[in-house]
Amino acid sequence: MYRCIRSLHRTPAGNCCPMPQDKNIHMKYYIRISFILCAALCLPSVIVAQEIEGDNADSTIAGHQPDAFTHRGFRHVAENDIPNGVSTVNVASLLEKNYTIYSLDNMEGLIGGWTGNSMWGMGEYLVLVDGVPRDANNVMPTEIDQITFLKSASSVLLYGSRAAKGVVYITTKRGKAEPLDVNVRVNTGFHVSKRYPKYLGSAEYMTLYNEARINDGQAIQYTDDEIYHYASGANPYRYPDVDYYSSDYLKKVYNRTDVTTELAGGNGWSRFYTNLGYLRQGDVFDFGEAKNNYVDRFNVRGNIDLNITTKITAFVNANATFYNARSGNAADSDPNNANNTDTYWTYAATARPNRVAPLIPLEYIDPNALNALRTVGGGSNIIDGKYFLGGSQTDLQNVVADYYAAGSSKWTSRQFQFDAGLNFDLSNVAKGLTFHTQYAVDYATSYTSSYNNSYAVYQPLWSDYNGADVIADLTKYNNDRKSGVQNITGSSNRQTIAFTGYFNYVSPLRGGHHLESKLLATGFQQTRSQVYHRTGNANLGLAVDYNYREKYYASEALALVRSAKLAAGDRNGLSSSATLGWKLSKEGFLATSSVVNDLTVGISGSVLKTDMDIGEYNLSEENYTQANGAWWGWYDGAVERSTNSLRGSNSDLDFVNRKEIAANVSTSLWNDLITANASFFINTMEGLIIQPATQYPSYFATGFPGASFMPFTNYNNHRRKGIDFAVNVNKQLGAVGLSWGLVGMYYKSEATRVDENFEDAYRNRAGKPLDGLWGLQSAGLFQDQAEIDNSPQQKFGGTIRPGDIRYVDQNNDNKIDERDEIFLGRADWNGAPFTGGVNVTARWKGFTVFALGTAHVGGYAMKNSSYFWVYGNRKYSEVVRGRWTEETKETATYPRLTTENGVNNFRSSDFWLYKTNRFTLARIQITYAVPRKVLEKSFVRDISVYLSGANLLTISKEREILETSTTSAPQTRFYNLGVRAAF
């Protein structure tokens, strides 16, 4: 086909894609349509063709949107029109002073209402890339023109049910009717680990473990002589003291490098944008197969806009992304998990330091220990010619040995995305009428290939020989096997099909009246491997926007949504929204103001139907199963499996409703010295689906075998209310240009109706925050047995001893149990009560300094990881140094140590509660742009160099906790050097 299309027409430039030079009208259309087909096949020739000068055409066609416009529910309207709970970030401009590696990185510091993981604290949101549901992490910032955050119900209504909690709309860059523009950007930088967990060494661990056994009334496990040898460090192989966070295993820094080339240009008939990017990132490990860990990504994106005729335009977008992630194997890792390194961090957080030396030098083997020499000599895993793998009968593997001998894995992901559309000017039918359509097909696939080896470990028998430690014999466990067989696991794939079509009519009304209406149909469907039901979103929409002299605004929108999750006959729902706006700055009392340049207010009311909170399909139907049935012996020699009811039927099960009232205001003051906007919102999610246990008699459900006849119903209600804002100040002070931005959001959430029936009102979830933390109220630590005897009985199990946590009896029933749990504080699962940020830009001559900080205030979290909850045979962290003892009872910050389950102490309570308040210096970048006059006689049109740092500093009372990761990779600071050149 490539050669066939090449033979159709050749331009003087020799490209294979035909340019509209033929004067014959029919041939001209034929050639232009063939251009669409061949563009993806011979893009380099297209690039050459675009350098041919043509008539200047309006570059606003085919989905391209100038900076002055933004997305508002299929409406491309000017940003100074009626405010509607929408915020936009011009990423293309931002990237010139703020290099970043993730599309949504630190956006909470740039726009109000975005918490970092949700909009207005609502949780799940829909990401659209050029109008198609796609992953935000599969589009790099260098590919993005702008990102629009649609927060209000009125702004997302036309996107359907799946958009009911907000839309992040990412628009990629497009070409313009300009000569060929080439931009190259190169970055290289280093990740530096912020902080590692601090665990106790062997001797201290053994000493405190003995103390824990004494606390439990048991004999000690380690003698003083053993502890002495472990403390001396004279032989760390016989008496190991393993620190998995030391430089023996981890690098101080590791590199990330990326290169991006952008090409754009075109003429009056066609425009193109191409992005080719490659990045490679190393890993923190410095040993074994893990030393060669890496992640790399290669992408090609091409966007083409065409004028087929004066009445028809078209666009074609294509993207291919290739991911690879190589890692050393870990024996306990999940084969479906792309990141085997997670197993290392889990092992490092749980393996006690005195258990086993992972590597033992061969030189310790007694030359006369012939059996030991034969045993180890038969193995194939001698590390660096010096070490064999240590172990024991109970330690048949360890993560260090895994990374040396268990093989390697490679996770592979491929994503192919294609969408195309046509835009028709139907003014011949009706003046102001247009039709737009888009169709998309995306494919994503991933799998893990691995070579899985088994290996032997050796337990040494140590002996003293003339005062020196030697290995007298070795016991071998397992065998070394390298199959050479490549295993394929974790295969998955996903297909997305999306369609949008809409008529747009702009009425040519006169006398200051302006009317625009839109009728649309949109939907998408995602098919995933091993998932029976497809994820779908389909709706019809109608929107009417009216304004009089751009002063008074009114909008109405309706959307008919459909959900396959509901019963047949009840799958359709009608969403509606109405908005009123007023541009006060055009009124007489402000029109001549020297202070107020713009002042616009708006208010909207909406009711959206959504199935996002309906977790499963067919919940309206009764369900019987034997999958979880119990086995029953009705008579000798025969057993039957019970059939259990999971739920009853409810034909009235319906959509969840998002009901909202939002008020918005935007202003510009003193000739744009200050610009500001704010949104106030109250929304409710009504009719959330549950099985209402308190609405039915208890005999509707059984504990064994587990069964229920209760149906799912629309019952629970949630409410959120709050305000978000953004203020920007721009000022020129002599030769220095300053910009300052402050954004933030404060919101409250509340469970307004909950299926509950607590005897004590303080236990009710109704009236409390949705992200509430619940637990017991502590009253210090028990100091002696008399205090225990005179306190309410604590009913959680185990023997209560001095040093255990004492709790408050909330209901005065003289016992402590679950009935004494109270509301402790708000977690920040969907965003802290207050999320905000500040950004500053200073420009002087060729220098630009940019700084960005983010703040999260009002949230709480529990210190409930294994790092803090230490009991049984768990590894001891530094927090246990503040443990309760008879000597430290007045100053203790931690309960007594125990080798039992500690069920009384290690449960949710305010003893473990801490505040997550923090301010993070997220970004600093210094950029220098070489003066244009220096480059006048060179082929380089523009060049800039920049140095940046990311995630540099956290200011918080609990900084150590917030910066410490235990069972996952450490948090890092990132220092980067970059160069950007334009040709």
Foldseek 3Di string as FASTA:
>chain_A
DQVVQQVPDADPLGASQDDQDDPPPVVSLVSQVSNVVCCVVGVVSVLVVQQPAAAFAPPPPALDADPQWDAQLNDTDGPQFFDDQKDKDQLQVVCVFFPDWFQCPPCQFVAWQAFSQFGLLPHDAFEAESHFGDDRRVDTSNFFGMWMKRADQNRCQNVFFRHRRIYTYTYGDWAGAAHKWKKKKKKKWKWFFDDAFFFDWDLVQLVQQQQQQVVVVHHRDDDPVLSVVLVVVPDCQVFNGDQCPDPVWWARIWMKIKMKMWIWHHYNFKIKIKIWMKMKTADGTCDFQQNRWMKMKIKIKMKMKGDSDPFKIKIKIKMKMKIKTKGFAFPPDDQLDQDRCLVVLQLSQFPARRAGDQWDFPVQADPVLVQQCVVQVPADQDDPVTTAGADDPVGFDGRNVRRHAFWMKMKIKMKIKIKMKMKGQVVVVPNQKIKIKMKMKMKMKMKMKIFGWHAKHKHFDWDADPNDIHGNHIDIDDHTDGPVDIDIDNIKMKMKIKMKMKMKGWDPDDPQKTKIKMWMKIKMWMDMPPDDDIDMWIKIKIKMWMDGNSFKIKMKMKIWIADQQADPVAGIDMKIKIKIKGWCCVDPVNVPDQWWPTKMKMKMKIKHFHCPLVDGGPLQAKDKDQPLFDWDDPDPPDIDTDIATAEAHHNPAHTWIKIKMKMKMWTATNPNQKTKMKMKMKIKTFQRKDQQCLVDDVVQFDVVVGHGHGGITGWWMKMKIWMKMKMKGWDDDDQKTKIKMKIKMAMFMFGQTDRDDAPDPQPDRGGPGPQWDKDFAWDAWAQAVVVVVPAQAEPQDDDHGGQATHTDDCVPPSYDDPSRMGTDFGAQPSRASMKMKMKMWMDGDQKIKIWIKIWGFGHKDFPQDCQQDPEASGGHGPLCVLGDDNVNRVRRLHGRYHNDPSRRRRDDYCSGMDTPTKMWRAKIKMKGKDDQVVCVPPPWRTKMKMKMKGRDDIDDPPVVVVQYDRSDDGRTIMIMIMMMIMD
